[in-house]
């Protein structure tokens, strides 16, 4: 069964349509990279998947035991968020809020989960440090640990390596790859098509006129065909 099934979605707001005919499926172990030009609808898709806005039309189905609050979300960071004056421990622990129910405080289970994910991300020694004093790569590890406290089933990431130096970005991609190989499904919005092709099992390329969804291999063939068409080269040559 699929965690997420989208059928012919039309995305947008009351004042207009942003993208149409969006269809894709995400199952356990999938790694879907969402690419497209600025303004194509990537951010609108994220808000729709998180149930922050409703699709204008089409079907968005969550299944296989996953709930909207069980999607581990790592947003694109702003300068204000990078300067957030909280400890690493406070931020990671906040990822367990949905597991607390009506209880007004964190219990033993939530604290153990937060500590487990800090260890998993190699950030235990920074537990009591202020988040804003960390490097960009360390901050992203902290936010990933927080997202994993919400769920280990499905991660949704919005431009997670924006602002990172190449080494930190590569290390972060390796973390995602490792989590994906362990069975966590990943949906990553990225402007880096080369990395998307290298990392992902599936690609969703949002285009206002003709969006594409398929495997990595199918996407490569499509891109190669488009390149040959634009240059006028004969693939038989």
Protein backbone atom coordinates (compact mmCIF):
# COMPACT_ATOMS: atom_id res chain seq x y z
CA UNK A 1 0.00 0.00 0.00
CA UNK A 2 1.02 3.61 -0.52
CA UNK A 3 1.63 6.27 2.12
CA UNK A 4 0.47 9.00 -0.27
CA UNK A 5 -1.54 8.77 -3.47
CA UNK A 6 -2.23 11.92 -5.49
CA UNK A 7 -4.63 11.67 -8.42
CA UNK A 8 -4.96 14.51 -10.91
CA UNK A 9 -4.49 17.24 -8.31
CA UNK A 10 -5.14 20.87 -9.13
CA UNK A 11 -3.20 23.06 -6.71
CA UNK A 12 -3.77 26.68 -5.88
CA UNK A 13 -5.59 29.27 -3.84
CA UNK A 14 -8.93 31.08 -4.05
CA UNK A 15 -7.40 33.66 -6.36
CA UNK A 16 -6.05 31.19 -8.90
CA UNK A 17 -4.63 27.84 -10.01
CA UNK A 18 -0.90 27.21 -9.52
CA UNK A 19 -0.48 23.72 -11.01
CA UNK A 20 -2.70 21.10 -12.59
CA UNK A 21 -2.75 17.36 -13.35
CA UNK A 22 -0.36 16.34 -10.54
CA UNK A 23 -0.37 12.59 -9.98
CA UNK A 24 2.13 10.46 -8.06
CA UNK A 25 2.46 7.71 -5.46
CA UNK A 26 4.85 7.40 -2.50
CA UNK A 27 5.34 4.00 -0.86
CA UNK A 28 7.60 2.76 1.91
CA UNK A 29 11.23 3.05 0.84
CA UNK A 30 10.54 5.46 -2.04
CA UNK A 31 12.70 8.54 -2.54
CA UNK A 32 10.75 11.15 -4.50
CA UNK A 33 12.47 14.33 -5.55
CA UNK A 34 10.24 17.24 -6.58
CA UNK A 35 11.77 19.67 -9.05
CA UNK A 36 10.56 22.50 -11.23
CA UNK A 37 11.03 26.16 -11.97
CA UNK A 38 10.34 28.87 -9.39
CA UNK A 39 6.61 29.46 -9.19
CA UNK A 40 5.74 26.05 -10.65
CA UNK A 41 3.91 24.98 -7.50
CA UNK A 42 6.45 23.11 -5.36
CA UNK A 43 5.69 25.10 -2.20
CA UNK A 44 1.96 24.83 -2.83
CA UNK A 45 2.32 21.06 -3.12
CA UNK A 46 4.11 20.93 0.25
CA UNK A 47 1.31 22.89 1.92
CA UNK A 48 -1.24 20.58 0.34
CA UNK A 49 0.55 17.42 1.50
CA UNK A 50 0.71 18.84 5.02
CA UNK A 51 -3.04 19.58 4.88
CA UNK A 52 -2.41 23.30 5.38
CA UNK A 53 -4.44 24.03 2.25
CA UNK A 54 -6.93 21.92 0.30
CA UNK A 55 -6.42 20.90 -3.32
CA UNK A 56 -8.78 22.69 -5.68
CA UNK A 57 -9.67 19.35 -7.24
CA UNK A 58 -8.40 15.79 -7.49
CA UNK A 59 -7.67 13.24 -4.78
CA UNK A 60 -5.07 13.28 -2.01
CA UNK A 61 -5.12 9.99 -0.12
CA UNK A 62 -3.07 9.12 2.97
CA UNK A 63 -3.03 5.40 3.64
CA UNK A 64 -1.00 2.52 5.08
CA UNK A 65 -1.53 3.79 8.62
CA UNK A 66 -0.02 7.26 8.18
CA UNK A 67 -1.68 10.43 9.49
CA UNK A 68 -1.01 14.05 8.44
CA UNK A 69 0.75 14.75 11.76
CA UNK A 70 3.01 11.73 11.19
CA UNK A 71 4.80 13.33 8.26
CA UNK A 72 8.21 14.46 9.49
CA UNK A 73 8.61 17.94 8.01
CA UNK A 74 11.87 19.83 7.56
CA UNK A 75 11.09 23.33 6.23
CA UNK A 76 13.41 25.56 4.28
CA UNK A 77 15.14 27.75 6.84
CA UNK A 78 14.93 31.51 6.99
CA UNK A 79 17.49 33.78 8.63
CA UNK A 80 15.12 34.26 11.57
CA UNK A 81 14.81 30.50 12.09
CA UNK A 82 18.58 30.04 11.96
CA UNK A 83 18.89 32.54 14.82
CA UNK A 84 16.29 30.83 17.02
CA UNK A 85 17.38 31.13 20.70
CA UNK A 86 16.58 27.61 21.94
CA UNK A 87 18.74 24.68 22.91
CA UNK A 88 19.29 21.73 20.59
CA UNK A 89 17.50 19.52 23.12
CA UNK A 90 14.42 21.77 23.22
CA UNK A 91 14.12 21.81 19.45
CA UNK A 92 14.50 18.05 18.98
CA UNK A 93 12.15 17.26 21.87
CA UNK A 94 9.47 19.50 20.33
CA UNK A 95 9.22 16.98 17.50
CA UNK A 96 7.46 14.58 19.90
CA UNK A 97 4.58 16.97 20.67
CA UNK A 98 2.07 15.02 18.61
CA UNK A 99 2.84 11.92 20.70
CA UNK A 100 2.07 13.66 24.01
CA UNK A 101 -1.68 13.73 23.44
CA UNK A 102 -3.39 15.76 26.16
CA UNK A 103 -0.45 15.45 28.52
CA UNK A 104 1.00 18.95 29.20
CA UNK A 105 4.59 17.71 29.55
CA UNK A 106 7.07 15.38 27.88
CA UNK A 107 7.18 11.88 29.29
CA UNK A 108 9.96 9.34 29.50
CA UNK A 109 9.10 7.82 26.12
CA UNK A 110 9.30 11.19 24.35
CA UNK A 111 12.65 12.03 25.95
CA UNK A 112 14.10 8.64 25.04
CA UNK A 113 12.94 9.09 21.43
CA UNK A 114 14.51 12.56 21.23
CA UNK A 115 17.79 11.28 22.64
CA UNK A 116 17.77 8.33 20.24
CA UNK A 117 17.40 10.61 17.22
CA UNK A 118 20.06 13.02 18.48
CA UNK A 119 22.43 10.07 18.69
CA UNK A 120 21.34 8.90 15.26
CA UNK A 121 22.29 12.29 13.79
CA UNK A 122 25.58 12.43 15.69
CA UNK A 123 24.49 15.51 17.65
CA UNK A 124 24.38 14.22 21.25
CA UNK A 125 27.39 16.26 22.35
CA UNK A 126 25.60 19.45 21.25
CA UNK A 127 22.46 18.64 23.25
CA UNK A 128 22.60 21.67 25.58
CA UNK A 129 24.12 24.12 23.12
CA UNK A 130 22.13 26.99 21.64
CA UNK A 131 20.79 26.14 18.20
CA UNK A 132 21.79 29.47 16.68
CA UNK A 133 25.46 28.85 17.55
CA UNK A 134 25.65 25.74 15.35
CA UNK A 135 26.91 25.58 11.78
CA UNK A 136 24.39 25.29 8.95
CA UNK A 137 25.05 21.58 8.53
CA UNK A 138 24.67 20.95 12.26
CA UNK A 139 21.40 22.87 12.33
CA UNK A 140 20.01 20.71 9.55
CA UNK A 141 20.99 17.57 11.47
CA UNK A 142 19.11 18.91 14.48
CA UNK A 143 16.01 19.64 12.38
CA UNK A 144 16.22 16.18 10.82
CA UNK A 145 16.38 14.64 14.31
CA UNK A 146 13.29 16.68 15.20
CA UNK A 147 11.45 15.47 12.08
CA UNK A 148 12.32 11.86 12.92
CA UNK A 149 10.73 12.33 16.35
CA UNK A 150 7.42 12.89 14.56
CA UNK A 151 7.73 9.73 12.47
CA UNK A 152 10.18 7.34 10.90
CA UNK A 153 7.77 6.51 8.06
CA UNK A 154 7.85 9.58 5.80
CA UNK A 155 10.03 12.69 5.65
CA UNK A 156 9.10 15.82 3.69
CA UNK A 157 11.99 18.21 3.10
CA UNK A 158 11.92 21.62 1.46
CA UNK A 159 15.26 22.63 -0.11
CA UNK A 160 17.18 21.09 2.82
CA UNK A 161 20.69 21.99 1.62
CA UNK A 162 20.04 25.64 0.75
CA UNK A 163 22.83 27.74 2.22
CA UNK A 164 25.06 24.78 3.08
CA UNK A 165 28.61 24.48 1.82
CA UNK A 166 29.27 21.58 -0.60
CA UNK A 167 30.77 19.30 2.09
CA UNK A 168 27.87 19.84 4.51
CA UNK A 169 25.37 19.34 1.68
CA UNK A 170 26.99 16.06 0.65
CA UNK A 171 26.99 14.82 4.25
CA UNK A 172 23.30 15.69 4.58
CA UNK A 173 22.45 13.84 1.37
CA UNK A 174 24.30 10.80 2.71
CA UNK A 175 22.21 10.94 5.90
CA UNK A 176 19.02 10.99 3.83
CA UNK A 177 20.27 8.11 1.70
CA UNK A 178 20.99 6.06 4.81
CA UNK A 179 17.56 6.74 6.30
CA UNK A 180 15.92 5.87 3.00
CA UNK A 181 17.81 2.58 2.78
CA UNK A 182 16.49 1.75 6.25
CA UNK A 183 12.94 2.06 4.91
CA UNK A 184 12.01 5.70 5.52
CA UNK A 185 10.20 7.23 2.55
CA UNK A 186 11.55 10.63 1.47
CA UNK A 187 9.92 13.48 -0.43
CA UNK A 188 12.49 16.18 -1.11
CA UNK A 189 11.86 19.46 -2.92
CA UNK A 190 15.05 20.55 -4.66
CA UNK A 191 16.28 23.02 -7.24
CA UNK A 192 19.29 20.78 -7.90
CA UNK A 193 18.17 18.45 -10.70
CA UNK A 194 21.56 16.71 -10.90
CA UNK A 195 21.41 15.75 -7.23
CA UNK A 196 17.77 14.76 -7.58
CA UNK A 197 18.62 12.31 -10.33
CA UNK A 198 21.53 10.88 -8.37
CA UNK A 199 19.64 10.47 -5.08
CA UNK A 200 16.04 9.69 -5.97
CA UNK A 201 14.17 6.56 -6.99
CA UNK A 202 11.38 8.70 -8.48
CA UNK A 203 11.09 12.23 -9.87
CA UNK A 204 8.14 14.61 -9.94
CA UNK A 205 8.91 17.50 -12.31
CA UNK A 206 6.17 20.08 -11.90
CA UNK A 207 5.41 22.10 -14.99
CA UNK A 208 2.36 24.29 -15.53
CA UNK A 209 1.64 22.65 -18.87
CA UNK A 210 3.07 19.14 -18.71
CA UNK A 211 4.25 17.72 -15.39
CA UNK A 212 6.19 14.45 -15.25
CA UNK A 213 6.20 11.64 -12.68
CA UNK A 214 8.22 8.47 -13.05
CA UNK A 215 11.32 6.56 -12.07
CA UNK A 216 14.80 7.99 -12.18
CA UNK A 217 15.53 6.02 -15.35
CA UNK A 218 12.36 7.24 -17.08
CA UNK A 219 13.17 10.83 -16.17
CA UNK A 220 16.69 10.54 -17.57
CA UNK A 221 15.34 9.17 -20.83
CA UNK A 222 12.80 11.99 -21.05
CA UNK A 223 15.45 14.65 -20.38
CA UNK A 224 17.76 13.09 -22.95
CA UNK A 225 14.96 13.08 -25.50
CA UNK A 226 14.15 16.73 -24.80
CA UNK A 227 17.81 17.67 -25.21
CA UNK A 228 18.05 15.87 -28.55
CA UNK A 229 14.84 17.54 -29.71
CA UNK A 230 16.08 21.02 -28.80
CA UNK A 231 19.50 20.57 -30.42
CA UNK A 232 18.15 18.84 -33.48
CA UNK A 233 20.58 15.94 -33.07
CA UNK A 234 19.59 12.62 -34.50
CA UNK A 235 19.75 9.94 -31.77
CA UNK A 236 20.81 7.45 -34.45
CA UNK A 237 23.98 9.41 -35.25
